[in-house]
PDB file of N, CA and C in Angstrom:
ATOM      1  N   UNK A   1     -24.958  -9.732 -22.024  1.00  0.00           N
ATOM      2  CA  UNK A   1     -25.381  -9.418 -20.674  1.00  0.00           C
ATOM      3  C   UNK A   1     -26.370  -8.258 -20.753  1.00  0.00           C
ATOM      4  N   UNK A   2     -27.500  -8.397 -20.088  1.00  0.00           N
ATOM      5  CA  UNK A   2     -28.464  -7.309 -20.143  1.00  0.00           C
ATOM      6  C   UNK A   2     -28.049  -6.182 -19.182  1.00  0.00           C
ATOM      7  N   UNK A   3     -28.603  -5.016 -19.436  1.00  0.00           N
ATOM      8  CA  UNK A   3     -28.189  -3.811 -18.723  1.00  0.00           C
ATOM      9  C   UNK A   3     -28.511  -3.874 -17.223  1.00  0.00           C
ATOM     10  N   UNK A   4     -29.668  -4.414 -16.837  1.00  0.00           N
ATOM     11  CA  UNK A   4     -30.035  -4.496 -15.425  1.00  0.00           C
ATOM     12  C   UNK A   4     -29.057  -5.381 -14.655  1.00  0.00           C
ATOM     13  N   UNK A   5     -28.742  -6.510 -15.261  1.00  0.00           N
ATOM     14  CA  UNK A   5     -27.824  -7.435 -14.606  1.00  0.00           C
ATOM     15  C   UNK A   5     -26.441  -6.790 -14.459  1.00  0.00           C
ATOM     16  N   UNK A   6     -26.009  -6.110 -15.503  1.00  0.00           N
ATOM     17  CA  UNK A   6     -24.710  -5.458 -15.470  1.00  0.00           C
ATOM     18  C   UNK A   6     -24.686  -4.368 -14.386  1.00  0.00           C
ATOM     19  N   UNK A   7     -25.755  -3.605 -14.248  1.00  0.00           N
ATOM     20  CA  UNK A   7     -25.818  -2.554 -13.235  1.00  0.00           C
ATOM     21  C   UNK A   7     -25.787  -3.155 -11.820  1.00  0.00           C
ATOM     22  N   UNK A   8     -26.475  -4.280 -11.618  1.00  0.00           N
ATOM     23  CA  UNK A   8     -26.453  -4.950 -10.321  1.00  0.00           C
ATOM     24  C   UNK A   8     -25.032  -5.411  -9.986  1.00  0.00           C
ATOM     25  N   UNK A   9     -24.365  -5.984 -10.988  1.00  0.00           N
ATOM     26  CA  UNK A   9     -22.992  -6.442 -10.779  1.00  0.00           C
ATOM     27  C   UNK A   9     -22.070  -5.267 -10.440  1.00  0.00           C
ATOM     28  N   UNK A  10     -22.274  -4.159 -11.132  1.00  0.00           N
ATOM     29  CA  UNK A  10     -21.447  -2.983 -10.860  1.00  0.00           C
ATOM     30  C   UNK A  10     -21.699  -2.439  -9.454  1.00  0.00           C
ATOM     31  N   UNK A  11     -22.937  -2.454  -9.006  1.00  0.00           N
ATOM     32  CA  UNK A  11     -23.252  -1.996  -7.654  1.00  0.00           C
ATOM     33  C   UNK A  11     -22.618  -2.903  -6.606  1.00  0.00           C
ATOM     34  N   UNK A  12     -22.671  -4.212  -6.847  1.00  0.00           N
ATOM     35  CA  UNK A  12     -22.022  -5.159  -5.934  1.00  0.00           C
ATOM     36  C   UNK A  12     -20.525  -4.886  -5.863  1.00  0.00           C
ATOM     37  N   UNK A  13     -19.932  -4.703  -7.048  1.00  0.00           N
ATOM     38  CA  UNK A  13     -18.501  -4.459  -7.115  1.00  0.00           C
ATOM     39  C   UNK A  13     -18.156  -3.151  -6.395  1.00  0.00           C
ATOM     40  N   UNK A  14     -18.981  -2.136  -6.544  1.00  0.00           N
ATOM     41  CA  UNK A  14     -18.734  -0.852  -5.889  1.00  0.00           C
ATOM     42  C   UNK A  14     -18.738  -1.024  -4.364  1.00  0.00           C
ATOM     43  N   UNK A  15     -19.673  -1.797  -3.854  1.00  0.00           N
ATOM     44  CA  UNK A  15     -19.715  -2.071  -2.421  1.00  0.00           C
ATOM     45  C   UNK A  15     -18.492  -2.824  -1.948  1.00  0.00           C
ATOM     46  N   UNK A  16     -18.078  -3.812  -2.736  1.00  0.00           N
ATOM     47  CA  UNK A  16     -16.883  -4.586  -2.377  1.00  0.00           C
ATOM     48  C   UNK A  16     -15.638  -3.698  -2.418  1.00  0.00           C
ATOM     49  N   UNK A  17     -15.576  -2.814  -3.417  1.00  0.00           N
ATOM     50  CA  UNK A  17     -14.421  -1.914  -3.528  1.00  0.00           C
ATOM     51  C   UNK A  17     -14.355  -0.974  -2.326  1.00  0.00           C
ATOM     52  N   UNK A  18     -15.499  -0.491  -1.866  1.00  0.00           N
ATOM     53  CA  UNK A  18     -15.523   0.378  -0.686  1.00  0.00           C
ATOM     54  C   UNK A  18     -15.016  -0.373   0.539  1.00  0.00           C
ATOM     55  N   UNK A  19     -15.407  -1.644   0.661  1.00  0.00           N
ATOM     56  CA  UNK A  19     -14.933  -2.454   1.782  1.00  0.00           C
ATOM     57  C   UNK A  19     -13.428  -2.673   1.716  1.00  0.00           C
ATOM     58  N   UNK A  20     -12.938  -2.957   0.523  1.00  0.00           N
ATOM     59  CA  UNK A  20     -11.500  -3.169   0.346  1.00  0.00           C
ATOM     60  C   UNK A  20     -10.754  -1.876   0.659  1.00  0.00           C
ATOM     61  N   UNK A  21     -11.294  -0.754   0.231  1.00  0.00           N
ATOM     62  CA  UNK A  21     -10.640   0.525   0.491  1.00  0.00           C
ATOM     63  C   UNK A  21     -10.553   0.792   1.998  1.00  0.00           C
ATOM     64  N   UNK A  22     -11.624   0.523   2.730  1.00  0.00           N
ATOM     65  CA  UNK A  22     -11.596   0.692   4.188  1.00  0.00           C
ATOM     66  C   UNK A  22     -10.572  -0.246   4.816  1.00  0.00           C
ATOM     67  N   UNK A  23     -10.536  -1.477   4.326  1.00  0.00           N
ATOM     68  CA  UNK A  23      -9.585  -2.460   4.830  1.00  0.00           C
ATOM     69  C   UNK A  23      -8.150  -1.987   4.589  1.00  0.00           C
ATOM     70  N   UNK A  24      -7.901  -1.464   3.395  1.00  0.00           N
ATOM     71  CA  UNK A  24      -6.566  -0.973   3.053  1.00  0.00           C
ATOM     72  C   UNK A  24      -6.170   0.215   3.931  1.00  0.00           C
ATOM     73  N   UNK A  25      -7.110   1.105   4.179  1.00  0.00           N
ATOM     74  CA  UNK A  25      -6.807   2.296   4.973  1.00  0.00           C
ATOM     75  C   UNK A  25      -6.379   1.948   6.392  1.00  0.00           C
ATOM     76  N   UNK A  26      -6.929   0.876   6.930  1.00  0.00           N
ATOM     77  CA  UNK A  26      -6.584   0.513   8.301  1.00  0.00           C
ATOM     78  C   UNK A  26      -5.426  -0.488   8.375  1.00  0.00           C
ATOM     79  N   UNK A  27      -5.019  -1.033   7.244  1.00  0.00           N
ATOM     80  CA  UNK A  27      -3.901  -1.980   7.230  1.00  0.00           C
ATOM     81  C   UNK A  27      -2.583  -1.231   7.429  1.00  0.00           C
ATOM     82  N   UNK A  28      -1.611  -1.925   7.973  1.00  0.00           N
ATOM     83  CA  UNK A  28      -0.284  -1.342   8.170  1.00  0.00           C
ATOM     84  C   UNK A  28       0.746  -2.156   7.394  1.00  0.00           C
ATOM     85  N   UNK A  29       1.662  -1.434   6.794  1.00  0.00           N
ATOM     86  CA  UNK A  29       2.707  -2.034   5.976  1.00  0.00           C
ATOM     87  C   UNK A  29       4.052  -1.559   6.518  1.00  0.00           C
ATOM     88  N   UNK A  30       4.994  -2.483   6.588  1.00  0.00           N
ATOM     89  CA  UNK A  30       6.294  -2.147   7.159  1.00  0.00           C
ATOM     90  C   UNK A  30       7.411  -2.477   6.182  1.00  0.00           C
ATOM     91  N   UNK A  31       8.387  -1.598   6.153  1.00  0.00           N
ATOM     92  CA  UNK A  31       9.592  -1.841   5.364  1.00  0.00           C
ATOM     93  C   UNK A  31      10.795  -1.654   6.282  1.00  0.00           C
ATOM     94  N   UNK A  32      11.771  -2.490   6.073  1.00  0.00           N
ATOM     95  CA  UNK A  32      12.998  -2.444   6.863  1.00  0.00           C
ATOM     96  C   UNK A  32      14.162  -2.414   5.882  1.00  0.00           C
ATOM     97  N   UNK A  33      15.048  -1.444   6.052  1.00  0.00           N
ATOM     98  CA  UNK A  33      16.188  -1.322   5.137  1.00  0.00           C
ATOM     99  C   UNK A  33      17.475  -1.171   5.946  1.00  0.00           C
ATOM    100  N   UNK A  34      18.575  -1.348   5.245  1.00  0.00           N
ATOM    101  CA  UNK A  34      19.879  -1.190   5.884  1.00  0.00           C
ATOM    102  C   UNK A  34      20.132  -2.212   6.973  1.00  0.00           C
ATOM    103  N   UNK A  35      19.625  -3.418   6.760  1.00  0.00           N
ATOM    104  CA  UNK A  35      19.827  -4.460   7.759  1.00  0.00           C
ATOM    105  C   UNK A  35      19.131  -4.145   9.076  1.00  0.00           C
ATOM    106  N   UNK A  36      18.003  -3.457   8.983  1.00  0.00           N
ATOM    107  CA  UNK A  36      17.230  -3.126  10.187  1.00  0.00           C
ATOM    108  C   UNK A  36      17.583  -1.769  10.776  1.00  0.00           C
ATOM    109  N   UNK A  37      18.428  -1.013  10.085  1.00  0.00           N
ATOM    110  CA  UNK A  37      18.805   0.297  10.611  1.00  0.00           C
ATOM    111  C   UNK A  37      17.633   1.281  10.575  1.00  0.00           C
ATOM    112  N   UNK A  38      16.756   1.117   9.587  1.00  0.00           N
ATOM    113  CA  UNK A  38      15.579   1.977   9.475  1.00  0.00           C
ATOM    114  C   UNK A  38      14.360   1.100   9.243  1.00  0.00           C
ATOM    115  N   UNK A  39      13.337   1.312  10.063  1.00  0.00           N
ATOM    116  CA  UNK A  39      12.057   0.621   9.900  1.00  0.00           C
ATOM    117  C   UNK A  39      10.983   1.690   9.771  1.00  0.00           C
ATOM    118  N   UNK A  40      10.148   1.548   8.759  1.00  0.00           N
ATOM    119  CA  UNK A  40       9.092   2.517   8.519  1.00  0.00           C
ATOM    120  C   UNK A  40       7.768   1.791   8.384  1.00  0.00           C
ATOM    121  N   UNK A  41       6.735   2.331   8.990  1.00  0.00           N
ATOM    122  CA  UNK A  41       5.395   1.755   8.905  1.00  0.00           C
ATOM    123  C   UNK A  41       4.458   2.814   8.355  1.00  0.00           C
ATOM    124  N   UNK A  42       3.613   2.413   7.393  1.00  0.00           N
ATOM    125  CA  UNK A  42       2.592   3.316   6.872  1.00  0.00           C
ATOM    126  C   UNK A  42       1.296   2.559   6.699  1.00  0.00           C
ATOM    127  N   UNK A  43       0.207   3.311   6.637  1.00  0.00           N
ATOM    128  CA  UNK A  43      -1.091   2.678   6.418  1.00  0.00           C
ATOM    129  C   UNK A  43      -1.415   2.685   4.927  1.00  0.00           C
ATOM    130  N   UNK A  44      -2.573   2.172   4.585  1.00  0.00           N
ATOM    131  CA  UNK A  44      -2.976   2.069   3.188  1.00  0.00           C
ATOM    132  C   UNK A  44      -3.323   3.397   2.528  1.00  0.00           C
ATOM    133  N   UNK A  45      -3.313   4.477   3.317  1.00  0.00           N
ATOM    134  CA  UNK A  45      -3.531   5.811   2.756  1.00  0.00           C
ATOM    135  C   UNK A  45      -2.196   6.519   2.544  1.00  0.00           C
ATOM    136  N   UNK A  46      -1.118   5.758   2.619  1.00  0.00           N
ATOM    137  CA  UNK A  46       0.248   6.270   2.449  1.00  0.00           C
ATOM    138  C   UNK A  46       0.642   7.256   3.533  1.00  0.00           C
ATOM    139  N   UNK A  47       0.026   7.150   4.705  1.00  0.00           N
ATOM    140  CA  UNK A  47       0.403   7.996   5.827  1.00  0.00           C
ATOM    141  C   UNK A  47       1.424   7.252   6.671  1.00  0.00           C
ATOM    142  N   UNK A  48       2.569   7.885   6.906  1.00  0.00           N
ATOM    143  CA  UNK A  48       3.611   7.253   7.714  1.00  0.00           C
ATOM    144  C   UNK A  48       3.134   7.206   9.154  1.00  0.00           C
ATOM    145  N   UNK A  49       3.155   6.014   9.728  1.00  0.00           N
ATOM    146  CA  UNK A  49       2.692   5.802  11.092  1.00  0.00           C
ATOM    147  C   UNK A  49       3.839   5.817  12.090  1.00  0.00           C
ATOM    148  N   UNK A  50       4.993   5.307  11.667  1.00  0.00           N
ATOM    149  CA  UNK A  50       6.148   5.314  12.566  1.00  0.00           C
ATOM    150  C   UNK A  50       7.439   5.172  11.783  1.00  0.00           C
ATOM    151  N   UNK A  51       8.497   5.687  12.384  1.00  0.00           N
ATOM    152  CA  UNK A  51       9.851   5.543  11.858  1.00  0.00           C
ATOM    153  C   UNK A  51      10.729   5.158  13.040  1.00  0.00           C
ATOM    154  N   UNK A  52      11.433   4.060  12.893  1.00  0.00           N
ATOM    155  CA  UNK A  52      12.351   3.591  13.932  1.00  0.00           C
ATOM    156  C   UNK A  52      13.764   3.604  13.361  1.00  0.00           C
ATOM    157  N   UNK A  53      14.675   4.210  14.100  1.00  0.00           N
ATOM    158  CA  UNK A  53      16.065   4.289  13.667  1.00  0.00           C
ATOM    159  C   UNK A  53      16.960   3.577  14.672  1.00  0.00           C
ATOM    160  N   UNK A  54      17.861   2.755  14.155  1.00  0.00           N
ATOM    161  CA  UNK A  54      18.883   2.160  15.007  1.00  0.00           C
ATOM    162  C   UNK A  54      19.909   3.244  15.330  1.00  0.00           C
ATOM    163  N   UNK A  55      20.534   3.146  16.466  1.00  0.00           N
ATOM    164  CA  UNK A  55      21.532   4.162  16.855  1.00  0.00           C
ATOM    165  C   UNK A  55      22.639   4.274  15.817  1.00  0.00           C
ATOM    166  N   UNK A  56      22.988   3.141  15.212  1.00  0.00           N
ATOM    167  CA  UNK A  56      24.055   3.135  14.201  1.00  0.00           C
ATOM    168  C   UNK A  56      23.667   3.910  12.952  1.00  0.00           C
ATOM    169  N   UNK A  57      22.374   4.109  12.722  1.00  0.00           N
ATOM    170  CA  UNK A  57      21.928   4.811  11.509  1.00  0.00           C
ATOM    171  C   UNK A  57      22.167   6.309  11.610  1.00  0.00           C
ATOM    172  N   UNK A  58      22.342   6.798  12.831  1.00  0.00           N
ATOM    173  CA  UNK A  58      22.497   8.237  13.050  1.00  0.00           C
ATOM    174  C   UNK A  58      23.975   8.571  13.233  1.00  0.00           C
ATOM    175  N   UNK A  59      24.572   9.025  12.155  1.00  0.00           N
ATOM    176  CA  UNK A  59      25.979   9.439  12.174  1.00  0.00           C
ATOM    177  C   UNK A  59      26.023  10.891  11.709  1.00  0.00           C
ATOM    178  N   UNK A  60      26.343  11.816  12.606  1.00  0.00           N
ATOM    179  CA  UNK A  60      26.354  13.235  12.222  1.00  0.00           C
ATOM    180  C   UNK A  60      27.318  13.547  11.076  1.00  0.00           C
ATOM    181  N   UNK A  61      28.305  12.693  10.888  1.00  0.00           N
ATOM    182  CA  UNK A  61      29.265  12.913   9.806  1.00  0.00           C
ATOM    183  C   UNK A  61      28.792  12.331   8.479  1.00  0.00           C
ATOM    184  N   UNK A  62      27.670  11.595   8.499  1.00  0.00           N
ATOM    185  CA  UNK A  62      27.167  10.973   7.270  1.00  0.00           C
ATOM    186  C   UNK A  62      25.637  11.048   7.220  1.00  0.00           C
ATOM    187  N   UNK A  63      25.116  12.240   7.219  1.00  0.00           N
ATOM    188  CA  UNK A  63      23.671  12.469   7.183  1.00  0.00           C
ATOM    189  C   UNK A  63      23.075  11.932   5.885  1.00  0.00           C
ATOM    190  N   UNK A  64      23.834  11.991   4.817  1.00  0.00           N
ATOM    191  CA  UNK A  64      23.337  11.521   3.512  1.00  0.00           C
ATOM    192  C   UNK A  64      22.976  10.041   3.546  1.00  0.00           C
ATOM    193  N   UNK A  65      23.720   9.249   4.279  1.00  0.00           N
ATOM    194  CA  UNK A  65      23.412   7.815   4.373  1.00  0.00           C
ATOM    195  C   UNK A  65      22.055   7.614   5.035  1.00  0.00           C
ATOM    196  N   UNK A  66      21.771   8.352   6.083  1.00  0.00           N
ATOM    197  CA  UNK A  66      20.476   8.258   6.753  1.00  0.00           C
ATOM    198  C   UNK A  66      19.363   8.720   5.829  1.00  0.00           C
ATOM    199  N   UNK A  67      19.600   9.787   5.101  1.00  0.00           N
ATOM    200  CA  UNK A  67      18.605  10.271   4.143  1.00  0.00           C
ATOM    201  C   UNK A  67      18.297   9.196   3.095  1.00  0.00           C
ATOM    202  N   UNK A  68      19.338   8.533   2.607  1.00  0.00           N
ATOM    203  CA  UNK A  68      19.152   7.461   1.624  1.00  0.00           C
ATOM    204  C   UNK A  68      18.356   6.298   2.207  1.00  0.00           C
ATOM    205  N   UNK A  69      18.660   5.942   3.457  1.00  0.00           N
ATOM    206  CA  UNK A  69      17.937   4.849   4.102  1.00  0.00           C
ATOM    207  C   UNK A  69      16.460   5.201   4.299  1.00  0.00           C
ATOM    208  N   UNK A  70      16.185   6.429   4.715  1.00  0.00           N
ATOM    209  CA  UNK A  70      14.799   6.864   4.895  1.00  0.00           C
ATOM    210  C   UNK A  70      14.045   6.846   3.569  1.00  0.00           C
ATOM    211  N   UNK A  71      14.679   7.322   2.537  1.00  0.00           N
ATOM    212  CA  UNK A  71      14.060   7.326   1.213  1.00  0.00           C
ATOM    213  C   UNK A  71      13.787   5.899   0.737  1.00  0.00           C
ATOM    214  N   UNK A  72      14.746   5.018   0.929  1.00  0.00           N
ATOM    215  CA  UNK A  72      14.569   3.621   0.518  1.00  0.00           C
ATOM    216  C   UNK A  72      13.437   2.962   1.309  1.00  0.00           C
ATOM    217  N   UNK A  73      13.366   3.236   2.608  1.00  0.00           N
ATOM    218  CA  UNK A  73      12.311   2.651   3.434  1.00  0.00           C
ATOM    219  C   UNK A  73      10.945   3.170   2.995  1.00  0.00           C
ATOM    220  N   UNK A  74      10.843   4.456   2.744  1.00  0.00           N
ATOM    221  CA  UNK A  74       9.571   5.025   2.298  1.00  0.00           C
ATOM    222  C   UNK A  74       9.137   4.404   0.974  1.00  0.00           C
ATOM    223  N   UNK A  75      10.048   4.327   0.023  1.00  0.00           N
ATOM    224  CA  UNK A  75       9.705   3.776  -1.295  1.00  0.00           C
ATOM    225  C   UNK A  75       9.342   2.297  -1.222  1.00  0.00           C
ATOM    226  N   UNK A  76      10.032   1.549  -0.372  1.00  0.00           N
ATOM    227  CA  UNK A  76       9.717   0.124  -0.219  1.00  0.00           C
ATOM    228  C   UNK A  76       8.334  -0.060   0.406  1.00  0.00           C
ATOM    229  N   UNK A  77       8.020   0.763   1.379  1.00  0.00           N
ATOM    230  CA  UNK A  77       6.717   0.664   2.036  1.00  0.00           C
ATOM    231  C   UNK A  77       5.610   1.082   1.067  1.00  0.00           C
ATOM    232  N   UNK A  78       5.837   2.130   0.329  1.00  0.00           N
ATOM    233  CA  UNK A  78       4.869   2.607  -0.668  1.00  0.00           C
ATOM    234  C   UNK A  78       4.595   1.508  -1.693  1.00  0.00           C
ATOM    235  N   UNK A  79       5.634   0.812  -2.128  1.00  0.00           N
ATOM    236  CA  UNK A  79       5.467  -0.270  -3.097  1.00  0.00           C
ATOM    237  C   UNK A  79       4.634  -1.407  -2.510  1.00  0.00           C
ATOM    238  N   UNK A  80       4.810  -1.691  -1.212  1.00  0.00           N
ATOM    239  CA  UNK A  80       4.008  -2.740  -0.572  1.00  0.00           C
ATOM    240  C   UNK A  80       2.530  -2.356  -0.544  1.00  0.00           C
ATOM    241  N   UNK A  81       2.248  -1.092  -0.260  1.00  0.00           N
ATOM    242  CA  UNK A  81       0.855  -0.624  -0.254  1.00  0.00           C
ATOM    243  C   UNK A  81       0.262  -0.745  -1.647  1.00  0.00           C
ATOM    244  N   UNK A  82       0.997  -0.300  -2.652  1.00  0.00           N
ATOM    245  CA  UNK A  82       0.513  -0.366  -4.037  1.00  0.00           C
ATOM    246  C   UNK A  82       0.264  -1.804  -4.477  1.00  0.00           C
ATOM    247  N   UNK A  83       1.187  -2.701  -4.155  1.00  0.00           N
ATOM    248  CA  UNK A  83       1.024  -4.113  -4.529  1.00  0.00           C
ATOM    249  C   UNK A  83      -0.214  -4.720  -3.875  1.00  0.00           C
ATOM    250  N   UNK A  84      -0.389  -4.442  -2.594  1.00  0.00           N
ATOM    251  CA  UNK A  84      -1.550  -4.990  -1.880  1.00  0.00           C
ATOM    252  C   UNK A  84      -2.844  -4.426  -2.459  1.00  0.00           C
ATOM    253  N   UNK A  85      -2.843  -3.148  -2.775  1.00  0.00           N
ATOM    254  CA  UNK A  85      -4.037  -2.509  -3.330  1.00  0.00           C
ATOM    255  C   UNK A  85      -4.387  -3.094  -4.692  1.00  0.00           C
ATOM    256  N   UNK A  86      -3.383  -3.243  -5.549  1.00  0.00           N
ATOM    257  CA  UNK A  86      -3.627  -3.812  -6.881  1.00  0.00           C
ATOM    258  C   UNK A  86      -4.117  -5.251  -6.781  1.00  0.00           C
ATOM    259  N   UNK A  87      -3.537  -6.000  -5.869  1.00  0.00           N
ATOM    260  CA  UNK A  87      -3.935  -7.401  -5.712  1.00  0.00           C
ATOM    261  C   UNK A  87      -5.393  -7.506  -5.255  1.00  0.00           C
ATOM    262  N   UNK A  88      -5.761  -6.701  -4.280  1.00  0.00           N
ATOM    263  CA  UNK A  88      -7.120  -6.763  -3.747  1.00  0.00           C
ATOM    264  C   UNK A  88      -8.149  -6.194  -4.730  1.00  0.00           C
ATOM    265  N   UNK A  89      -7.837  -5.081  -5.338  1.00  0.00           N
ATOM    266  CA  UNK A  89      -8.778  -4.455  -6.274  1.00  0.00           C
ATOM    267  C   UNK A  89      -8.872  -5.249  -7.579  1.00  0.00           C
ATOM    268  N   UNK A  90      -7.769  -5.786  -8.034  1.00  0.00           N
ATOM    269  CA  UNK A  90      -7.761  -6.562  -9.270  1.00  0.00           C
ATOM    270  C   UNK A  90      -8.627  -7.800  -9.178  1.00  0.00           C
ATOM    271  N   UNK A  91      -8.687  -8.393  -8.009  1.00  0.00           N
ATOM    272  CA  UNK A  91      -9.496  -9.589  -7.818  1.00  0.00           C
ATOM    273  C   UNK A  91     -10.988  -9.316  -7.909  1.00  0.00           C
ATOM    274  N   UNK A  92     -11.392  -8.070  -7.710  1.00  0.00           N
ATOM    275  CA  UNK A  92     -12.822  -7.740  -7.744  1.00  0.00           C
ATOM    276  C   UNK A  92     -13.397  -7.706  -9.154  1.00  0.00           C
ATOM    277  N   UNK A  93     -12.588  -7.322 -10.122  1.00  0.00           N
ATOM    278  CA  UNK A  93     -13.107  -7.149 -11.480  1.00  0.00           C
ATOM    279  C   UNK A  93     -12.999  -8.417 -12.323  1.00  0.00           C
ATOM    280  N   UNK A  94     -12.315  -9.437 -11.820  1.00  0.00           N
ATOM    281  CA  UNK A  94     -12.169 -10.676 -12.579  1.00  0.00           C
ATOM    282  C   UNK A  94     -13.531 -11.350 -12.757  1.00  0.00           C
ATOM    283  N   UNK A  95     -13.772 -11.848 -13.910  1.00  0.00           N
ATOM    284  CA  UNK A  95     -14.959 -12.637 -14.170  1.00  0.00           C
ATOM    285  C   UNK A  95     -16.247 -11.859 -14.380  1.00  0.00           C
ATOM    286  N   UNK A  96     -16.158 -10.540 -14.378  1.00  0.00           N
ATOM    287  CA  UNK A  96     -17.376  -9.756 -14.592  1.00  0.00           C
ATOM    288  C   UNK A  96     -17.788  -9.729 -16.056  1.00  0.00           C
ATOM    289  N   UNK A  97     -16.816  -9.838 -16.918  1.00  0.00           N
ATOM    290  CA  UNK A  97     -17.121  -9.811 -18.348  1.00  0.00           C
ATOM    291  C   UNK A  97     -17.540  -8.445 -18.848  1.00  0.00           C
ATOM    292  N   UNK A  98     -17.101  -7.412 -18.150  1.00  0.00           N
ATOM    293  CA  UNK A  98     -17.443  -6.047 -18.570  1.00  0.00           C
ATOM    294  C   UNK A  98     -16.285  -5.527 -19.410  1.00  0.00           C
ATOM    295  N   UNK A  99     -16.578  -5.086 -20.608  1.00  0.00           N
ATOM    296  CA  UNK A  99     -15.505  -4.594 -21.468  1.00  0.00           C
ATOM    297  C   UNK A  99     -14.719  -3.462 -20.805  1.00  0.00           C
ATOM    298  N   UNK A 100     -13.400  -3.515 -20.929  1.00  0.00           N
ATOM    299  CA  UNK A 100     -12.544  -2.489 -20.384  1.00  0.00           C
ATOM    300  C   UNK A 100     -12.186  -2.665 -18.917  1.00  0.00           C
ATOM    301  N   UNK A 101     -12.635  -3.747 -18.289  1.00  0.00           N
ATOM    302  CA  UNK A 101     -12.332  -3.942 -16.863  1.00  0.00           C
ATOM    303  C   UNK A 101     -11.531  -5.208 -16.670  1.00  0.00           C
TER     304      UNK A 101
END
């Protein structure tokens, strides 16, 4: 592959990556844990957009259970963002034939 062609391909890919990044930033991902006791929504920038708690999730005598549910919801949502990002970004570099990509 000649250098000019490779540079053009890289510029195209850079533009596509910027578009995917914007798309990811505005996308929303939701995780639900504890049978719906905790629902968490975050965007593609890992910013939490909302947290919904069922009344049953709030037990003053068992705060640790709520903490565990919140942690599980956050981690599940974070994993969804990461999976979507890898899937979208990984598809951009396929077939370029550039070493190391």
